[in-house]
C-alpha atoms as a PDB file:
ATOM      1  CA  MET A   1      -8.592  24.977 -21.885  1.00  0.00           C
ATOM      2  CA  LYS A   2     -11.419  26.622 -19.956  1.00  0.00           C
ATOM      3  CA  GLN A   3     -12.802  24.934 -16.856  1.00  0.00           C
ATOM      4  CA  VAL A   4     -16.236  25.537 -15.377  1.00  0.00           C
ATOM      5  CA  ALA A   5     -16.220  27.503 -12.104  1.00  0.00           C
ATOM      6  CA  THR A   6     -17.925  26.326  -8.943  1.00  0.00           C
ATOM      7  CA  ALA A   7     -19.727  28.454  -6.399  1.00  0.00           C
ATOM      8  CA  THR A   8     -17.111  28.006  -3.681  1.00  0.00           C
ATOM      9  CA  ARG A   9     -13.657  27.643  -5.191  1.00  0.00           C
ATOM     10  CA  PRO A  10     -12.311  28.108  -8.676  1.00  0.00           C
ATOM     11  CA  VAL A  11     -11.620  24.912 -10.552  1.00  0.00           C
ATOM     12  CA  PRO A  12      -7.910  24.163 -10.920  1.00  0.00           C
ATOM     13  CA  LYS A  13      -6.447  24.511 -14.401  1.00  0.00           C
ATOM     14  CA  TRP A  14      -4.901  21.376 -15.819  1.00  0.00           C
ATOM     15  CA  LEU A  15      -3.381  20.344 -19.113  1.00  0.00           C
ATOM     16  CA  THR A  16      -5.411  18.256 -21.536  1.00  0.00           C
ATOM     17  CA  ARG A  17      -3.935  14.978 -22.734  1.00  0.00           C
ATOM     18  CA  ALA A  18      -3.040  16.680 -26.037  1.00  0.00           C
ATOM     19  CA  GLU A  19      -1.259  19.515 -24.193  1.00  0.00           C
ATOM     20  CA  GLN A  20       0.612  16.999 -22.039  1.00  0.00           C
ATOM     21  CA  ALA A  21       1.748  15.138 -25.154  1.00  0.00           C
ATOM     22  CA  ALA A  22       2.802  18.370 -26.887  1.00  0.00           C
ATOM     23  CA  LEU A  23       4.842  19.443 -23.871  1.00  0.00           C
ATOM     24  CA  PHE A  24       6.638  16.123 -23.497  1.00  0.00           C
ATOM     25  CA  HIS A  25       7.253  15.961 -27.232  1.00  0.00           C
ATOM     26  CA  VAL A  26       9.420  19.099 -27.010  1.00  0.00           C
ATOM     27  CA  ILE A  27      11.130  17.918 -23.784  1.00  0.00           C
ATOM     28  CA  HIS A  28      11.923  14.481 -25.254  1.00  0.00           C
ATOM     29  CA  GLY A  29      15.663  13.912 -25.500  1.00  0.00           C
ATOM     30  CA  ASN A  30      16.578  15.824 -22.330  1.00  0.00           C
ATOM     31  CA  ASP A  31      16.673  13.145 -19.632  1.00  0.00           C
ATOM     32  CA  ARG A  32      17.016  15.569 -16.713  1.00  0.00           C
ATOM     33  CA  ASP A  33      14.053  17.678 -17.780  1.00  0.00           C
ATOM     34  CA  MET A  34      11.970  14.602 -18.610  1.00  0.00           C
ATOM     35  CA  ALA A  35      12.604  13.412 -15.039  1.00  0.00           C
ATOM     36  CA  ILE A  36      11.812  16.796 -13.460  1.00  0.00           C
ATOM     37  CA  PHE A  37       8.565  17.348 -15.324  1.00  0.00           C
ATOM     38  CA  GLY A  38       7.684  13.652 -15.234  1.00  0.00           C
ATOM     39  CA  LEU A  39       7.690  13.769 -11.431  1.00  0.00           C
ATOM     40  CA  MET A  40       5.150  16.593 -11.529  1.00  0.00           C
ATOM     41  CA  LEU A  41       2.912  15.099 -14.219  1.00  0.00           C
ATOM     42  CA  HIS A  42       3.194  11.390 -13.379  1.00  0.00           C
ATOM     43  CA  ALA A  43       3.627  11.541  -9.587  1.00  0.00           C
ATOM     44  CA  GLY A  44       1.908  14.832  -8.731  1.00  0.00           C
ATOM     45  CA  LEU A  45       4.864  16.444  -6.998  1.00  0.00           C
ATOM     46  CA  LEU A  46       4.942  20.154  -6.256  1.00  0.00           C
ATOM     47  CA  VAL A  47       7.832  22.084  -7.789  1.00  0.00           C
ATOM     48  CA  SER A  48       9.282  22.681  -4.304  1.00  0.00           C
ATOM     49  CA  GLU A  49       9.126  18.942  -3.600  1.00  0.00           C
ATOM     50  CA  VAL A  50      11.084  18.208  -6.777  1.00  0.00           C
ATOM     51  CA  CYS A  51      13.739  20.755  -5.758  1.00  0.00           C
ATOM     52  CA  HIS A  52      14.181  19.124  -2.327  1.00  0.00           C
ATOM     53  CA  LEU A  53      14.594  15.558  -3.627  1.00  0.00           C
ATOM     54  CA  VAL A  54      17.862  13.716  -3.072  1.00  0.00           C
ATOM     55  CA  ARG A  55      18.939  10.440  -4.662  1.00  0.00           C
ATOM     56  CA  GLY A  56      17.868   8.363  -1.654  1.00  0.00           C
ATOM     57  CA  ASP A  57      14.295   9.600  -2.075  1.00  0.00           C
ATOM     58  CA  ILE A  58      13.905   7.630  -5.307  1.00  0.00           C
ATOM     59  CA  ARG A  59      13.736   3.854  -5.183  1.00  0.00           C
ATOM     60  CA  ILE A  60      13.394   1.982  -8.438  1.00  0.00           C
ATOM     61  CA  SER A  61      13.330  -1.670  -9.428  1.00  0.00           C
ATOM     62  CA  ASP A  62      12.098  -3.391 -12.572  1.00  0.00           C
ATOM     63  CA  ARG A  63       8.610  -3.932 -11.187  1.00  0.00           C
ATOM     64  CA  LYS A  64       8.060  -1.064  -8.791  1.00  0.00           C
ATOM     65  CA  GLY A  65       9.361   2.186  -7.486  1.00  0.00           C
ATOM     66  CA  THR A  66       8.567   5.011  -5.110  1.00  0.00           C
ATOM     67  CA  VAL A  67       9.493   8.609  -4.542  1.00  0.00           C
ATOM     68  CA  ARG A  68       9.676   9.766  -0.937  1.00  0.00           C
ATOM     69  CA  ILE A  69       8.643  13.342  -0.234  1.00  0.00           C
ATOM     70  CA  ARG A  70      10.231  14.374   3.041  1.00  0.00           C
ATOM     71  CA  GLN A  71       9.273  18.048   2.919  1.00  0.00           C
ATOM     72  CA  GLY A  72       5.836  18.148   1.339  1.00  0.00           C
ATOM     73  CA  LYS A  73       3.212  20.822   1.713  1.00  0.00           C
ATOM     74  CA  GLY A  74       2.823  21.559   5.424  1.00  0.00           C
ATOM     75  CA  ASN A  75       6.015  19.548   6.104  1.00  0.00           C
ATOM     76  CA  LYS A  76       4.079  16.329   5.464  1.00  0.00           C
ATOM     77  CA  PHE A  77       5.870  13.117   4.573  1.00  0.00           C
ATOM     78  CA  ARG A  78       4.448  10.851   1.873  1.00  0.00           C
ATOM     79  CA  GLU A  79       5.538   8.177  -0.559  1.00  0.00           C
ATOM     80  CA  VAL A  80       4.183   8.022  -4.075  1.00  0.00           C
ATOM     81  CA  PRO A  81       4.425   4.894  -6.228  1.00  0.00           C
ATOM     82  CA  LEU A  82       6.059   5.410  -9.619  1.00  0.00           C
ATOM     83  CA  SER A  83       4.467   4.295 -12.866  1.00  0.00           C
ATOM     84  CA  LYS A  84       6.401   2.146 -15.319  1.00  0.00           C
ATOM     85  CA  THR A  85       6.819   5.194 -17.580  1.00  0.00           C
ATOM     86  CA  LEU A  86       8.243   7.339 -14.800  1.00  0.00           C
ATOM     87  CA  ARG A  87      10.528   4.546 -13.567  1.00  0.00           C
ATOM     88  CA  LYS A  88      12.061   4.331 -17.062  1.00  0.00           C
ATOM     89  CA  ILE A  89      12.504   8.112 -17.260  1.00  0.00           C
ATOM     90  CA  LEU A  90      14.116   8.304 -13.817  1.00  0.00           C
ATOM     91  CA  ALA A  91      16.338   5.267 -14.425  1.00  0.00           C
ATOM     92  CA  ALA A  92      17.663   6.836 -17.637  1.00  0.00           C
ATOM     93  CA  TRP A  93      18.436  10.083 -15.810  1.00  0.00           C
ATOM     94  CA  LEU A  94      20.064   8.374 -12.816  1.00  0.00           C
ATOM     95  CA  GLU A  95      22.248   6.305 -15.137  1.00  0.00           C
ATOM     96  CA  GLN A  96      23.353   9.436 -16.969  1.00  0.00           C
ATOM     97  CA  ASN A  97      23.840  11.418 -13.733  1.00  0.00           C
ATOM     98  CA  PRO A  98      25.140   8.987 -11.091  1.00  0.00           C
ATOM     99  CA  GLU A  99      26.423  11.525  -8.534  1.00  0.00           C
ATOM    100  CA  GLY A 100      26.053  15.081  -7.321  1.00  0.00           C
ATOM    101  CA  PRO A 101      22.747  16.898  -6.969  1.00  0.00           C
ATOM    102  CA  LEU A 102      19.789  14.906  -8.252  1.00  0.00           C
ATOM    103  CA  PHE A 103      18.768  17.739 -10.572  1.00  0.00           C
ATOM    104  CA  PRO A 104      21.721  20.079 -11.102  1.00  0.00           C
ATOM    105  CA  ASN A 105      21.479  23.474 -12.753  1.00  0.00           C
ATOM    106  CA  ARG A 106      24.076  24.762 -15.243  1.00  0.00           C
ATOM    107  CA  CYS A 107      26.467  25.563 -12.383  1.00  0.00           C
ATOM    108  CA  GLY A 108      26.203  22.099 -10.853  1.00  0.00           C
ATOM    109  CA  GLN A 109      24.092  23.290  -7.919  1.00  0.00           C
ATOM    110  CA  PRO A 110      20.634  21.867  -7.149  1.00  0.00           C
ATOM    111  CA  ILE A 111      18.013  23.349  -9.453  1.00  0.00           C
ATOM    112  CA  THR A 112      15.734  25.967  -7.919  1.00  0.00           C
ATOM    113  CA  ILE A 113      12.023  26.634  -8.215  1.00  0.00           C
ATOM    114  CA  SER A 114      12.682  29.624 -10.454  1.00  0.00           C
ATOM    115  CA  GLY A 115      15.011  27.501 -12.576  1.00  0.00           C
ATOM    116  CA  ILE A 116      12.257  24.944 -13.131  1.00  0.00           C
ATOM    117  CA  GLU A 117       9.718  27.683 -13.859  1.00  0.00           C
ATOM    118  CA  LYS A 118      12.030  29.185 -16.503  1.00  0.00           C
ATOM    119  CA  LEU A 119      12.614  25.779 -18.093  1.00  0.00           C
ATOM    120  CA  LEU A 120       8.900  25.094 -18.242  1.00  0.00           C
ATOM    121  CA  ALA A 121       8.212  28.507 -19.788  1.00  0.00           C
ATOM    122  CA  GLU A 122      10.769  27.759 -22.535  1.00  0.00           C
ATOM    123  CA  TYR A 123       9.272  24.337 -23.253  1.00  0.00           C
ATOM    124  CA  ALA A 124       5.716  25.700 -23.181  1.00  0.00           C
ATOM    125  CA  TYR A 125       6.697  28.362 -25.716  1.00  0.00           C
ATOM    126  CA  ARG A 126       8.232  25.710 -27.988  1.00  0.00           C
ATOM    127  CA  ALA A 127       5.099  23.568 -27.629  1.00  0.00           C
ATOM    128  CA  LYS A 128       2.888  26.601 -28.355  1.00  0.00           C
ATOM    129  CA  LEU A 129       1.131  26.282 -24.985  1.00  0.00           C
ATOM    130  CA  GLU A 130       0.000  29.239 -22.916  1.00  0.00           C
ATOM    131  CA  GLU A 131      -0.312  29.799 -19.175  1.00  0.00           C
ATOM    132  CA  ILE A 132       1.618  26.667 -18.243  1.00  0.00           C
ATOM    133  CA  THR A 133       2.941  26.523 -14.683  1.00  0.00           C
ATOM    134  CA  PRO A 134       4.502  23.682 -12.705  1.00  0.00           C
ATOM    135  CA  HIS A 135       1.330  23.515 -10.624  1.00  0.00           C
ATOM    136  CA  ARG A 136      -0.764  22.838 -13.739  1.00  0.00           C
ATOM    137  CA  LEU A 137       1.271  19.649 -14.224  1.00  0.00           C
ATOM    138  CA  ARG A 138       0.299  18.547 -10.714  1.00  0.00           C
ATOM    139  CA  HIS A 139      -3.322  19.441 -11.463  1.00  0.00           C
ATOM    140  CA  ALA A 140      -3.117  17.355 -14.647  1.00  0.00           C
ATOM    141  CA  PHE A 141      -1.861  14.401 -12.574  1.00  0.00           C
ATOM    142  CA  CYS A 142      -4.882  14.627 -10.278  1.00  0.00           C
ATOM    143  CA  LYS A 143      -7.345  15.168 -13.141  1.00  0.00           C
ATOM    144  CA  ASN A 144      -5.890  12.218 -15.084  1.00  0.00           C
ATOM    145  CA  LEU A 145      -6.420   9.958 -12.057  1.00  0.00           C
ATOM    146  CA  VAL A 146      -9.994  11.167 -11.549  1.00  0.00           C
ATOM    147  CA  ASP A 147     -10.759  10.667 -15.257  1.00  0.00           C
ATOM    148  CA  LEU A 148      -9.408   7.111 -15.018  1.00  0.00           C
ATOM    149  CA  GLY A 149     -11.855   6.388 -12.198  1.00  0.00           C
ATOM    150  CA  VAL A 150      -9.335   6.266  -9.352  1.00  0.00           C
ATOM    151  CA  PRO A 151     -11.227   6.723  -6.062  1.00  0.00           C
ATOM    152  CA  LEU A 152     -10.947  10.220  -4.595  1.00  0.00           C
ATOM    153  CA  ASP A 153      -9.412   9.003  -1.344  1.00  0.00           C
ATOM    154  CA  GLN A 154      -6.534   7.461  -3.313  1.00  0.00           C
ATOM    155  CA  VAL A 155      -6.067  10.616  -5.410  1.00  0.00           C
ATOM    156  CA  ALA A 156      -6.015  12.670  -2.199  1.00  0.00           C
ATOM    157  CA  MET A 157      -3.409  10.400  -0.640  1.00  0.00           C
ATOM    158  CA  LEU A 158      -1.174  10.459  -3.726  1.00  0.00           C
ATOM    159  CA  ALA A 159      -1.392  14.254  -3.957  1.00  0.00           C
ATOM    160  CA  GLY A 160      -0.944  14.762  -0.220  1.00  0.00           C
ATOM    161  CA  HIS A 161      -4.251  16.600   0.137  1.00  0.00           C
ATOM    162  CA  ALA A 162      -5.375  17.085   3.738  1.00  0.00           C
ATOM    163  CA  SER A 163      -9.043  17.086   2.751  1.00  0.00           C
ATOM    164  CA  LEU A 164     -11.177  15.294   0.181  1.00  0.00           C
ATOM    165  CA  ASP A 165     -12.837  18.655  -0.478  1.00  0.00           C
ATOM    166  CA  VAL A 166      -9.627  19.779  -2.188  1.00  0.00           C
ATOM    167  CA  THR A 167      -9.552  16.627  -4.303  1.00  0.00           C
ATOM    168  CA  LYS A 168     -13.240  16.894  -5.262  1.00  0.00           C
ATOM    169  CA  ARG A 169     -12.402  19.973  -7.346  1.00  0.00           C
ATOM    170  CA  TYR A 170     -10.960  17.629  -9.986  1.00  0.00           C
ATOM    171  CA  THR A 171     -14.378  16.077 -10.536  1.00  0.00           C
ATOM    172  CA  THR A 172     -15.703  19.385 -11.904  1.00  0.00           C
ATOM    173  CA  PRO A 173     -16.005  18.987 -15.663  1.00  0.00           C
ATOM    174  CA  SER A 174     -14.148  21.254 -18.063  1.00  0.00           C
ATOM    175  CA  MET A 175     -15.909  22.870 -20.993  1.00  0.00           C
ATOM    176  CA  ALA A 176     -14.292  20.200 -23.199  1.00  0.00           C
ATOM    177  CA  ASP A 177     -15.822  17.496 -20.956  1.00  0.00           C
ATOM    178  CA  LEU A 178     -19.242  19.139 -21.242  1.00  0.00           C
ATOM    179  CA  GLN A 179     -18.895  19.531 -25.014  1.00  0.00           C
ATOM    180  CA  SER A 180     -17.977  15.871 -25.355  1.00  0.00           C
ATOM    181  CA  ALA A 181     -21.034  14.873 -23.297  1.00  0.00           C
ATOM    182  CA  VAL A 182     -23.350  16.976 -25.464  1.00  0.00           C
ATOM    183  CA  ASP A 183     -21.726  15.710 -28.681  1.00  0.00           C
ATOM    184  CA  ARG A 184     -22.587  12.140 -27.701  1.00  0.00           C
ATOM    185  CA  THR A 185     -26.283  13.058 -27.933  1.00  0.00           C
ATOM    186  CA  ALA A 186     -26.026  14.223 -31.559  1.00  0.00           C
ATOM    187  CA  TRP A 187     -27.837  12.210 -34.217  1.00  0.00           C
ATOM    188  CA  GLU A 188     -25.191  12.775 -36.851  1.00  0.00           C
END
């Protein structure tokens, strides 16, 4: 999907809702990978933040949950509430994997950034999606919140942005947004 550029900074690239659904359709059935990519798409975590998570960073109950990021961008600490969807995904993974690294690789060691990037590339290929990176999942998280009308200060806090100027980039419409706006004016 093509986004419209601004004069100062390029607009981040995010996944459309259809691309998000296609990606998770091919991941479905792999609880570990659903949890990894769910944290990026549904909680806005950076790939490095996912790699540094330990079990104690995730707190889940029936009605609420949080993920604690101890080593965020710029060594910032933050807590992000978990949606009902993400709580279910994480609970399924934690039940299946009750000990050891939170997200082990094939050798039983904690998964690495490059390991996650390779996994995502494989899933993107299977979903017939191009130019998908872990950071695009985070961008999709922010864009989804903006599109739902969540105030920018809340989006910034959830994403760990130091400045609202960074978060404002998600208000820039994509070409699909502009096309949809123009289509609403059609008489047919």
